[in-house]
Amino acid sequence: AKARRRRFNQRYALVPLLLGKEEPLPLGDPDSCIGCISFTRDELAEFDGRPLPDGSPSPLYLSVLGRVYDVSSGGAFYGPGKSYHKLVGKDATRAFCTGCLAPSCLI
């Protein structure tokens, strides 16, 4: 709590959101997004670090609340065989909210 107070000058960062005193930042409207890329569930599943035909690894993508994140720079955590690799190539919203890494929690 002390570090958060020093860094953000805010004693309780999430409490105002949880109590309804502040509004969360709005998510963008996907229909009005210019230059955005959208993925189907099957397309997202292809970006899990498995080798591409040229031998290079594919990027590591995961989705949270419909937004796709490139976590390739965190290969030490999200790469094949690593502890969070289960989240890659999937919608990991439920897993991040509950901490459940069981296959039933990964959509």
C-alpha atoms as a PDB file:
ATOM      1  CA  ALA A   1       0.000   0.000   0.000  1.00  0.00           C
ATOM      2  CA  LYS A   2       2.879   2.342   0.812  1.00  0.00           C
ATOM      3  CA  ALA A   3       4.478   1.843  -2.611  1.00  0.00           C
ATOM      4  CA  ARG A   4       1.168   2.431  -4.409  1.00  0.00           C
ATOM      5  CA  ARG A   5       0.624   5.627  -2.426  1.00  0.00           C
ATOM      6  CA  ARG A   6       4.117   6.892  -3.335  1.00  0.00           C
ATOM      7  CA  ARG A   7       3.945   5.911  -6.988  1.00  0.00           C
ATOM      8  CA  PHE A   8       0.389   6.867  -7.913  1.00  0.00           C
ATOM      9  CA  ASN A   9      -0.430   9.319  -5.125  1.00  0.00           C
ATOM     10  CA  GLN A  10      -3.513   7.215  -4.583  1.00  0.00           C
ATOM     11  CA  ARG A  11      -4.115   5.275  -1.403  1.00  0.00           C
ATOM     12  CA  TYR A  12      -6.646   2.773  -2.706  1.00  0.00           C
ATOM     13  CA  ALA A  13      -6.432   2.459  -6.487  1.00  0.00           C
ATOM     14  CA  LEU A  14      -9.226  -0.096  -7.024  1.00  0.00           C
ATOM     15  CA  VAL A  15     -11.546   0.784  -4.174  1.00  0.00           C
ATOM     16  CA  PRO A  16     -13.203   3.782  -5.912  1.00  0.00           C
ATOM     17  CA  LEU A  17     -13.958   1.559  -8.917  1.00  0.00           C
ATOM     18  CA  LEU A  18     -15.306  -1.249  -6.759  1.00  0.00           C
ATOM     19  CA  LEU A  19     -17.479   1.125  -4.733  1.00  0.00           C
ATOM     20  CA  GLY A  20     -18.850   2.738  -7.891  1.00  0.00           C
ATOM     21  CA  LYS A  21     -17.353   6.168  -7.153  1.00  0.00           C
ATOM     22  CA  GLU A  22     -15.369   6.214 -10.396  1.00  0.00           C
ATOM     23  CA  GLU A  23     -16.149   4.876 -13.840  1.00  0.00           C
ATOM     24  CA  PRO A  24     -13.717   2.467 -15.488  1.00  0.00           C
ATOM     25  CA  LEU A  25     -12.076   3.553 -18.709  1.00  0.00           C
ATOM     26  CA  PRO A  26     -14.368   2.799 -21.644  1.00  0.00           C
ATOM     27  CA  LEU A  27     -13.417   0.068 -24.072  1.00  0.00           C
ATOM     28  CA  GLY A  28     -13.277   1.114 -27.695  1.00  0.00           C
ATOM     29  CA  ASP A  29     -16.105   0.285 -30.052  1.00  0.00           C
ATOM     30  CA  PRO A  30     -14.815  -2.563 -32.250  1.00  0.00           C
ATOM     31  CA  ASP A  31     -17.011  -1.439 -35.160  1.00  0.00           C
ATOM     32  CA  SER A  32     -15.416   2.008 -35.248  1.00  0.00           C
ATOM     33  CA  CYS A  33     -11.832   0.825 -34.941  1.00  0.00           C
ATOM     34  CA  ILE A  34      -9.763   1.715 -38.001  1.00  0.00           C
ATOM     35  CA  GLY A  35      -6.796  -0.536 -38.680  1.00  0.00           C
ATOM     36  CA  CYS A  36      -7.724  -2.976 -35.929  1.00  0.00           C
ATOM     37  CA  ILE A  37      -7.365  -6.704 -36.380  1.00  0.00           C
ATOM     38  CA  SER A  38      -9.956  -9.115 -35.097  1.00  0.00           C
ATOM     39  CA  PHE A  39      -9.493 -12.829 -34.520  1.00  0.00           C
ATOM     40  CA  THR A  40     -11.828 -15.764 -34.423  1.00  0.00           C
ATOM     41  CA  ARG A  41     -11.251 -18.299 -31.661  1.00  0.00           C
ATOM     42  CA  ASP A  42      -9.548 -20.651 -34.144  1.00  0.00           C
ATOM     43  CA  GLU A  43      -7.310 -17.895 -35.530  1.00  0.00           C
ATOM     44  CA  LEU A  44      -6.247 -16.848 -32.037  1.00  0.00           C
ATOM     45  CA  ALA A  45      -5.365 -20.461 -31.200  1.00  0.00           C
ATOM     46  CA  GLU A  46      -2.720 -20.433 -33.978  1.00  0.00           C
ATOM     47  CA  PHE A  47      -0.647 -17.814 -32.104  1.00  0.00           C
ATOM     48  CA  ASP A  48       0.616 -20.033 -29.308  1.00  0.00           C
ATOM     49  CA  GLY A  49       4.340 -20.103 -30.077  1.00  0.00           C
ATOM     50  CA  ARG A  50       4.377 -23.243 -32.221  1.00  0.00           C
ATOM     51  CA  PRO A  51       6.904 -23.122 -35.075  1.00  0.00           C
ATOM     52  CA  LEU A  52       5.884 -21.515 -38.353  1.00  0.00           C
ATOM     53  CA  PRO A  53       6.705 -23.200 -41.700  1.00  0.00           C
ATOM     54  CA  ASP A  54       9.944 -21.187 -41.927  1.00  0.00           C
ATOM     55  CA  GLY A  55      11.043 -22.517 -38.508  1.00  0.00           C
ATOM     56  CA  SER A  56      10.542 -19.306 -36.511  1.00  0.00           C
ATOM     57  CA  PRO A  57       8.127 -19.396 -33.573  1.00  0.00           C
ATOM     58  CA  SER A  58       4.716 -17.799 -33.971  1.00  0.00           C
ATOM     59  CA  PRO A  59       3.896 -14.819 -31.739  1.00  0.00           C
ATOM     60  CA  LEU A  60       2.292 -15.435 -28.354  1.00  0.00           C
ATOM     61  CA  TYR A  61      -1.165 -13.833 -28.191  1.00  0.00           C
ATOM     62  CA  LEU A  62      -3.811 -14.025 -25.501  1.00  0.00           C
ATOM     63  CA  SER A  63      -7.142 -12.322 -25.104  1.00  0.00           C
ATOM     64  CA  VAL A  64      -8.658 -10.644 -22.050  1.00  0.00           C
ATOM     65  CA  LEU A  65     -12.141  -9.120 -22.254  1.00  0.00           C
ATOM     66  CA  GLY A  66     -12.039  -9.341 -26.041  1.00  0.00           C
ATOM     67  CA  ARG A  67      -8.744  -7.480 -26.421  1.00  0.00           C
ATOM     68  CA  VAL A  68      -5.809  -9.382 -27.854  1.00  0.00           C
ATOM     69  CA  TYR A  69      -2.403  -8.866 -26.264  1.00  0.00           C
ATOM     70  CA  ASP A  70       0.990  -9.810 -27.683  1.00  0.00           C
ATOM     71  CA  VAL A  71       2.862 -11.428 -24.792  1.00  0.00           C
ATOM     72  CA  SER A  72       5.802 -12.590 -26.921  1.00  0.00           C
ATOM     73  CA  SER A  73       8.220 -10.471 -24.890  1.00  0.00           C
ATOM     74  CA  GLY A  74       7.206 -12.521 -21.836  1.00  0.00           C
ATOM     75  CA  GLY A  75       8.302 -15.785 -23.420  1.00  0.00           C
ATOM     76  CA  ALA A  76       9.982 -16.810 -20.160  1.00  0.00           C
ATOM     77  CA  PHE A  77       6.476 -17.057 -18.669  1.00  0.00           C
ATOM     78  CA  TYR A  78       4.168 -17.603 -21.657  1.00  0.00           C
ATOM     79  CA  GLY A  79       6.425 -19.640 -23.952  1.00  0.00           C
ATOM     80  CA  PRO A  80       5.911 -23.341 -24.733  1.00  0.00           C
ATOM     81  CA  GLY A  81       6.464 -25.456 -21.633  1.00  0.00           C
ATOM     82  CA  LYS A  82       6.318 -22.467 -19.259  1.00  0.00           C
ATOM     83  CA  SER A  83       3.857 -21.989 -16.401  1.00  0.00           C
ATOM     84  CA  TYR A  84       1.438 -19.589 -18.156  1.00  0.00           C
ATOM     85  CA  HIS A  85       1.553 -21.155 -21.610  1.00  0.00           C
ATOM     86  CA  LYS A  86      -1.950 -22.532 -20.985  1.00  0.00           C
ATOM     87  CA  LEU A  87      -3.285 -18.974 -21.362  1.00  0.00           C
ATOM     88  CA  VAL A  88      -1.731 -18.330 -24.783  1.00  0.00           C
ATOM     89  CA  GLY A  89      -3.900 -18.601 -27.880  1.00  0.00           C
ATOM     90  CA  LYS A  90      -7.102 -18.414 -25.821  1.00  0.00           C
ATOM     91  CA  ASP A  91      -9.481 -16.018 -24.155  1.00  0.00           C
ATOM     92  CA  ALA A  92      -7.925 -15.929 -20.687  1.00  0.00           C
ATOM     93  CA  THR A  93     -10.473 -13.605 -19.064  1.00  0.00           C
ATOM     94  CA  ARG A  94     -11.926 -16.181 -16.686  1.00  0.00           C
ATOM     95  CA  ALA A  95      -8.479 -17.494 -15.772  1.00  0.00           C
ATOM     96  CA  PHE A  96      -7.187 -14.007 -14.900  1.00  0.00           C
ATOM     97  CA  CYS A  97     -10.277 -13.209 -12.822  1.00  0.00           C
ATOM     98  CA  THR A  98     -10.416 -16.475 -10.886  1.00  0.00           C
ATOM     99  CA  GLY A  99      -6.807 -17.657 -10.972  1.00  0.00           C
ATOM    100  CA  CYS A 100      -8.042 -20.983 -12.313  1.00  0.00           C
ATOM    101  CA  LEU A 101      -5.725 -22.526 -14.901  1.00  0.00           C
ATOM    102  CA  ALA A 102      -7.814 -25.670 -15.446  1.00  0.00           C
ATOM    103  CA  PRO A 103      -8.838 -26.331 -19.072  1.00  0.00           C
ATOM    104  CA  SER A 104     -12.483 -25.655 -18.142  1.00  0.00           C
ATOM    105  CA  CYS A 105     -11.528 -22.076 -17.157  1.00  0.00           C
ATOM    106  CA  LEU A 106      -9.773 -21.411 -20.467  1.00  0.00           C
ATOM    107  CA  ILE A 107     -12.173 -20.715 -23.281  1.00  0.00           C
END
